[in-house]
């Protein structure tokens, strides 16, 4: 279980780093636009990401 958590963290860092690595200007623009959103909108986006991640994690867990 411990290895799976470290693997998941490593994959998250890889995917998060791809944006600034491949398209730094576009990534900066996206971050700028996100910083202008209201708290409610950011919470909604965060909630959707948590739900999507949970569904993917559950699907991967049940297929093992």
PDB file of N, CA and C in Angstrom:
ATOM      1  N   UNK A   1       0.830  -1.201   0.000  1.00  0.00           N
ATOM      2  CA  UNK A   1       0.000   0.000   0.000  1.00  0.00           C
ATOM      3  C   UNK A   1       0.869   1.257   0.000  1.00  0.00           C
ATOM      4  N   UNK A   2       1.927   1.247   0.780  1.00  0.00           N
ATOM      5  CA  UNK A   2       2.801   2.405   0.861  1.00  0.00           C
ATOM      6  C   UNK A   2       3.432   2.713  -0.496  1.00  0.00           C
ATOM      7  N   UNK A   3       3.832   1.660  -1.223  1.00  0.00           N
ATOM      8  CA  UNK A   3       4.425   1.850  -2.547  1.00  0.00           C
ATOM      9  C   UNK A   3       3.413   2.450  -3.517  1.00  0.00           C
ATOM     10  N   UNK A   4       2.163   2.043  -3.401  1.00  0.00           N
ATOM     11  CA  UNK A   4       1.119   2.557  -4.295  1.00  0.00           C
ATOM     12  C   UNK A   4       0.907   4.052  -4.078  1.00  0.00           C
ATOM     13  N   UNK A   5       0.967   4.493  -2.837  1.00  0.00           N
ATOM     14  CA  UNK A   5       0.795   5.920  -2.540  1.00  0.00           C
ATOM     15  C   UNK A   5       1.949   6.719  -3.133  1.00  0.00           C
ATOM     16  N   UNK A   6       3.180   6.225  -2.970  1.00  0.00           N
ATOM     17  CA  UNK A   6       4.334   6.931  -3.534  1.00  0.00           C
ATOM     18  C   UNK A   6       4.286   6.934  -5.060  1.00  0.00           C
ATOM     19  N   UNK A   7       3.829   5.827  -5.653  1.00  0.00           N
ATOM     20  CA  UNK A   7       3.679   5.763  -7.101  1.00  0.00           C
ATOM     21  C   UNK A   7       2.647   6.783  -7.571  1.00  0.00           C
ATOM     22  N   UNK A   8       1.528   6.856  -6.873  1.00  0.00           N
ATOM     23  CA  UNK A   8       0.482   7.821  -7.240  1.00  0.00           C
ATOM     24  C   UNK A   8       0.990   9.247  -7.108  1.00  0.00           C
ATOM     25  N   UNK A   9       1.706   9.545  -6.044  1.00  0.00           N
ATOM     26  CA  UNK A   9       2.255  10.880  -5.863  1.00  0.00           C
ATOM     27  C   UNK A   9       3.246  11.219  -6.979  1.00  0.00           C
ATOM     28  N   UNK A  10       4.090  10.261  -7.329  1.00  0.00           N
ATOM     29  CA  UNK A  10       5.040  10.479  -8.418  1.00  0.00           C
ATOM     30  C   UNK A  10       4.345  10.757  -9.731  1.00  0.00           C
ATOM     31  N   UNK A  11       3.281  10.009 -10.024  1.00  0.00           N
ATOM     32  CA  UNK A  11       2.537  10.234 -11.272  1.00  0.00           C
ATOM     33  C   UNK A  11       1.860  11.601 -11.274  1.00  0.00           C
ATOM     34  N   UNK A  12       1.320  12.007 -10.145  1.00  0.00           N
ATOM     35  CA  UNK A  12       0.699  13.335 -10.053  1.00  0.00           C
ATOM     36  C   UNK A  12       1.735  14.414 -10.341  1.00  0.00           C
ATOM     37  N   UNK A  13       2.925  14.280  -9.750  1.00  0.00           N
ATOM     38  CA  UNK A  13       3.967  15.277  -9.977  1.00  0.00           C
ATOM     39  C   UNK A  13       4.405  15.299 -11.435  1.00  0.00           C
ATOM     40  N   UNK A  14       4.482  14.137 -12.067  1.00  0.00           N
ATOM     41  CA  UNK A  14       4.843  14.090 -13.489  1.00  0.00           C
ATOM     42  C   UNK A  14       3.798  14.828 -14.319  1.00  0.00           C
ATOM     43  N   UNK A  15       2.526  14.517 -14.115  1.00  0.00           N
ATOM     44  CA  UNK A  15       1.479  15.149 -14.910  1.00  0.00           C
ATOM     45  C   UNK A  15       1.366  16.644 -14.622  1.00  0.00           C
ATOM     46  N   UNK A  16       1.543  17.027 -13.371  1.00  0.00           N
ATOM     47  CA  UNK A  16       1.487  18.453 -13.027  1.00  0.00           C
ATOM     48  C   UNK A  16       2.659  19.212 -13.647  1.00  0.00           C
ATOM     49  N   UNK A  17       3.795  18.569 -13.786  1.00  0.00           N
ATOM     50  CA  UNK A  17       4.964  19.225 -14.348  1.00  0.00           C
ATOM     51  C   UNK A  17       4.962  19.317 -15.856  1.00  0.00           C
ATOM     52  N   UNK A  18       4.116  18.537 -16.520  1.00  0.00           N
ATOM     53  CA  UNK A  18       4.090  18.559 -17.981  1.00  0.00           C
ATOM     54  C   UNK A  18       3.630  19.904 -18.537  1.00  0.00           C
ATOM     55  N   UNK A  19       2.668  20.530 -17.894  1.00  0.00           N
ATOM     56  CA  UNK A  19       2.151  21.818 -18.383  1.00  0.00           C
ATOM     57  C   UNK A  19       3.230  22.885 -18.476  1.00  0.00           C
ATOM     58  N   UNK A  20       3.898  23.214 -17.361  1.00  0.00           N
ATOM     59  CA  UNK A  20       4.944  24.237 -17.434  1.00  0.00           C
ATOM     60  C   UNK A  20       6.152  23.810 -18.268  1.00  0.00           C
ATOM     61  N   UNK A  21       6.399  22.506 -18.375  1.00  0.00           N
ATOM     62  CA  UNK A  21       7.531  22.029 -19.162  1.00  0.00           C
ATOM     63  C   UNK A  21       7.285  22.201 -20.657  1.00  0.00           C
ATOM     64  N   UNK A  22       6.095  21.812 -21.114  1.00  0.00           N
ATOM     65  CA  UNK A  22       5.798  21.815 -22.548  1.00  0.00           C
ATOM     66  C   UNK A  22       5.317  23.179 -23.035  1.00  0.00           C
ATOM     67  N   UNK A  23       4.445  23.824 -22.280  1.00  0.00           N
ATOM     68  CA  UNK A  23       3.868  25.100 -22.730  1.00  0.00           C
ATOM     69  C   UNK A  23       3.845  26.097 -21.576  1.00  0.00           C
ATOM     70  N   UNK A  24       4.993  26.688 -21.232  1.00  0.00           N
ATOM     71  CA  UNK A  24       5.028  27.584 -20.069  1.00  0.00           C
ATOM     72  C   UNK A  24       4.145  28.821 -20.223  1.00  0.00           C
ATOM     73  N   UNK A  25       4.056  29.366 -21.427  1.00  0.00           N
ATOM     74  CA  UNK A  25       3.210  30.553 -21.623  1.00  0.00           C
ATOM     75  C   UNK A  25       1.730  30.229 -21.425  1.00  0.00           C
ATOM     76  N   UNK A  26       1.293  29.130 -22.017  1.00  0.00           N
ATOM     77  CA  UNK A  26      -0.101  28.715 -21.861  1.00  0.00           C
ATOM     78  C   UNK A  26      -0.428  28.358 -20.422  1.00  0.00           C
ATOM     79  N   UNK A  27       0.523  27.722 -19.746  1.00  0.00           N
ATOM     80  CA  UNK A  27       0.316  27.354 -18.339  1.00  0.00           C
ATOM     81  C   UNK A  27       0.182  28.603 -17.475  1.00  0.00           C
ATOM     82  N   UNK A  28       1.046  29.585 -17.735  1.00  0.00           N
ATOM     83  CA  UNK A  28       0.992  30.842 -16.975  1.00  0.00           C
ATOM     84  C   UNK A  28      -0.351  31.553 -17.205  1.00  0.00           C
ATOM     85  N   UNK A  29      -0.830  31.530 -18.444  1.00  0.00           N
ATOM     86  CA  UNK A  29      -2.126  32.154 -18.771  1.00  0.00           C
ATOM     87  C   UNK A  29      -3.263  31.442 -18.028  1.00  0.00           C
ATOM     88  N   UNK A  30      -3.204  30.114 -18.006  1.00  0.00           N
ATOM     89  CA  UNK A  30      -4.244  29.353 -17.317  1.00  0.00           C
ATOM     90  C   UNK A  30      -4.251  29.670 -15.819  1.00  0.00           C
ATOM     91  N   UNK A  31      -3.069  29.715 -15.212  1.00  0.00           N
ATOM     92  CA  UNK A  31      -2.977  30.030 -13.787  1.00  0.00           C
ATOM     93  C   UNK A  31      -3.485  31.447 -13.524  1.00  0.00           C
ATOM     94  N   UNK A  32      -3.172  32.366 -14.422  1.00  0.00           N
ATOM     95  CA  UNK A  32      -3.651  33.738 -14.284  1.00  0.00           C
ATOM     96  C   UNK A  32      -5.179  33.799 -14.335  1.00  0.00           C
ATOM     97  N   UNK A  33      -5.764  33.054 -15.264  1.00  0.00           N
ATOM     98  CA  UNK A  33      -7.230  33.033 -15.366  1.00  0.00           C
ATOM     99  C   UNK A  33      -7.856  32.374 -14.141  1.00  0.00           C
ATOM    100  N   UNK A  34      -7.234  31.314 -13.638  1.00  0.00           N
ATOM    101  CA  UNK A  34      -7.765  30.654 -12.440  1.00  0.00           C
ATOM    102  C   UNK A  34      -7.723  31.579 -11.238  1.00  0.00           C
ATOM    103  N   UNK A  35      -6.678  32.399 -11.143  1.00  0.00           N
ATOM    104  CA  UNK A  35      -6.552  33.281  -9.976  1.00  0.00           C
ATOM    105  C   UNK A  35      -7.619  34.371  -9.967  1.00  0.00           C
ATOM    106  N   UNK A  36      -8.259  34.595 -11.096  1.00  0.00           N
ATOM    107  CA  UNK A  36      -9.297  35.621 -11.184  1.00  0.00           C
ATOM    108  C   UNK A  36     -10.697  35.070 -10.914  1.00  0.00           C
ATOM    109  N   UNK A  37     -10.808  33.763 -10.739  1.00  0.00           N
ATOM    110  CA  UNK A  37     -12.111  33.139 -10.494  1.00  0.00           C
ATOM    111  C   UNK A  37     -12.532  33.348  -9.038  1.00  0.00           C
ATOM    112  N   UNK A  38     -13.820  33.292  -8.817  1.00  0.00           N
ATOM    113  CA  UNK A  38     -14.336  33.424  -7.448  1.00  0.00           C
ATOM    114  C   UNK A  38     -14.035  32.163  -6.647  1.00  0.00           C
ATOM    115  N   UNK A  39     -14.121  32.280  -5.323  1.00  0.00           N
ATOM    116  CA  UNK A  39     -13.877  31.126  -4.457  1.00  0.00           C
ATOM    117  C   UNK A  39     -14.857  29.997  -4.746  1.00  0.00           C
ATOM    118  N   UNK A  40     -16.104  30.348  -5.004  1.00  0.00           N
ATOM    119  CA  UNK A  40     -17.122  29.326  -5.270  1.00  0.00           C
ATOM    120  C   UNK A  40     -16.783  28.539  -6.538  1.00  0.00           C
ATOM    121  N   UNK A  41     -16.333  29.226  -7.560  1.00  0.00           N
ATOM    122  CA  UNK A  41     -15.974  28.551  -8.808  1.00  0.00           C
ATOM    123  C   UNK A  41     -14.772  27.638  -8.594  1.00  0.00           C
ATOM    124  N   UNK A  42     -13.772  28.115  -7.857  1.00  0.00           N
ATOM    125  CA  UNK A  42     -12.598  27.286  -7.580  1.00  0.00           C
ATOM    126  C   UNK A  42     -12.968  26.068  -6.737  1.00  0.00           C
ATOM    127  N   UNK A  43     -13.897  26.228  -5.807  1.00  0.00           N
ATOM    128  CA  UNK A  43     -14.350  25.082  -5.005  1.00  0.00           C
ATOM    129  C   UNK A  43     -15.060  24.060  -5.884  1.00  0.00           C
ATOM    130  N   UNK A  44     -15.858  24.551  -6.820  1.00  0.00           N
ATOM    131  CA  UNK A  44     -16.564  23.660  -7.744  1.00  0.00           C
ATOM    132  C   UNK A  44     -15.568  22.878  -8.604  1.00  0.00           C
ATOM    133  N   UNK A  45     -14.558  23.571  -9.121  1.00  0.00           N
ATOM    134  CA  UNK A  45     -13.527  22.918  -9.932  1.00  0.00           C
ATOM    135  C   UNK A  45     -12.780  21.895  -9.086  1.00  0.00           C
ATOM    136  N   UNK A  46     -12.384  22.283  -7.875  1.00  0.00           N
ATOM    137  CA  UNK A  46     -11.686  21.365  -6.980  1.00  0.00           C
ATOM    138  C   UNK A  46     -12.531  20.154  -6.638  1.00  0.00           C
ATOM    139  N   UNK A  47     -13.810  20.362  -6.392  1.00  0.00           N
ATOM    140  CA  UNK A  47     -14.708  19.248  -6.092  1.00  0.00           C
ATOM    141  C   UNK A  47     -14.825  18.277  -7.247  1.00  0.00           C
ATOM    142  N   UNK A  48     -14.931  18.816  -8.453  1.00  0.00           N
ATOM    143  CA  UNK A  48     -15.001  17.951  -9.642  1.00  0.00           C
ATOM    144  C   UNK A  48     -13.721  17.139  -9.799  1.00  0.00           C
ATOM    145  N   UNK A  49     -12.571  17.755  -9.548  1.00  0.00           N
ATOM    146  CA  UNK A  49     -11.299  17.036  -9.652  1.00  0.00           C
ATOM    147  C   UNK A  49     -11.192  15.941  -8.594  1.00  0.00           C
ATOM    148  N   UNK A  50     -11.653  16.227  -7.379  1.00  0.00           N
ATOM    149  CA  UNK A  50     -11.616  15.218  -6.315  1.00  0.00           C
ATOM    150  C   UNK A  50     -12.528  14.047  -6.668  1.00  0.00           C
ATOM    151  N   UNK A  51     -13.721  14.328  -7.164  1.00  0.00           N
ATOM    152  CA  UNK A  51     -14.653  13.259  -7.536  1.00  0.00           C
ATOM    153  C   UNK A  51     -14.076  12.428  -8.682  1.00  0.00           C
ATOM    154  N   UNK A  52     -13.535  13.095  -9.709  1.00  0.00           N
ATOM    155  CA  UNK A  52     -12.959  12.370 -10.842  1.00  0.00           C
ATOM    156  C   UNK A  52     -11.780  11.503 -10.386  1.00  0.00           C
ATOM    157  N   UNK A  53     -10.918  12.053  -9.554  1.00  0.00           N
ATOM    158  CA  UNK A  53      -9.789  11.280  -9.042  1.00  0.00           C
ATOM    159  C   UNK A  53     -10.233  10.112  -8.193  1.00  0.00           C
ATOM    160  N   UNK A  54     -11.258  10.308  -7.388  1.00  0.00           N
ATOM    161  CA  UNK A  54     -11.773   9.229  -6.549  1.00  0.00           C
ATOM    162  C   UNK A  54     -12.368   8.103  -7.392  1.00  0.00           C
ATOM    163  N   UNK A  55     -13.088   8.463  -8.429  1.00  0.00           N
ATOM    164  CA  UNK A  55     -13.678   7.452  -9.315  1.00  0.00           C
ATOM    165  C   UNK A  55     -12.574   6.654 -10.008  1.00  0.00           C
ATOM    166  N   UNK A  56     -11.561   7.347 -10.516  1.00  0.00           N
ATOM    167  CA  UNK A  56     -10.450   6.655 -11.175  1.00  0.00           C
ATOM    168  C   UNK A  56      -9.717   5.754 -10.196  1.00  0.00           C
ATOM    169  N   UNK A  57      -9.442   6.249  -9.000  1.00  0.00           N
ATOM    170  CA  UNK A  57      -8.750   5.448  -7.990  1.00  0.00           C
ATOM    171  C   UNK A  57      -9.584   4.216  -7.611  1.00  0.00           C
ATOM    172  N   UNK A  58     -10.874   4.411  -7.466  1.00  0.00           N
ATOM    173  CA  UNK A  58     -11.752   3.268  -7.120  1.00  0.00           C
ATOM    174  C   UNK A  58     -11.757   2.245  -8.233  1.00  0.00           C
ATOM    175  N   UNK A  59     -11.849   2.715  -9.470  1.00  0.00           N
ATOM    176  CA  UNK A  59     -11.852   1.788 -10.613  1.00  0.00           C
ATOM    177  C   UNK A  59     -10.534   1.009 -10.677  1.00  0.00           C
ATOM    178  N   UNK A  60      -9.434   1.670 -10.435  1.00  0.00           N
ATOM    179  CA  UNK A  60      -8.128   0.997 -10.471  1.00  0.00           C
ATOM    180  C   UNK A  60      -7.991   0.020  -9.304  1.00  0.00           C
ATOM    181  N   UNK A  61      -8.507   0.415  -8.142  1.00  0.00           N
ATOM    182  CA  UNK A  61      -8.427  -0.450  -6.954  1.00  0.00           C
ATOM    183  C   UNK A  61      -9.249  -1.733  -7.152  1.00  0.00           C
ATOM    184  N   UNK A  62     -10.445  -1.600  -7.705  1.00  0.00           N
ATOM    185  CA  UNK A  62     -11.304  -2.772  -7.876  1.00  0.00           C
ATOM    186  C   UNK A  62     -10.811  -3.683  -9.000  1.00  0.00           C
ATOM    187  N   UNK A  63     -10.010  -3.151  -9.930  1.00  0.00           N
ATOM    188  CA  UNK A  63      -9.529  -3.997 -11.017  1.00  0.00           C
ATOM    189  C   UNK A  63      -8.253  -4.741 -10.650  1.00  0.00           C
ATOM    190  N   UNK A  64      -7.678  -4.476  -9.475  1.00  0.00           N
ATOM    191  CA  UNK A  64      -6.429  -5.144  -9.061  1.00  0.00           C
ATOM    192  C   UNK A  64      -6.707  -6.526  -8.534  1.00  0.00           C
TER     193      UNK A  64
END
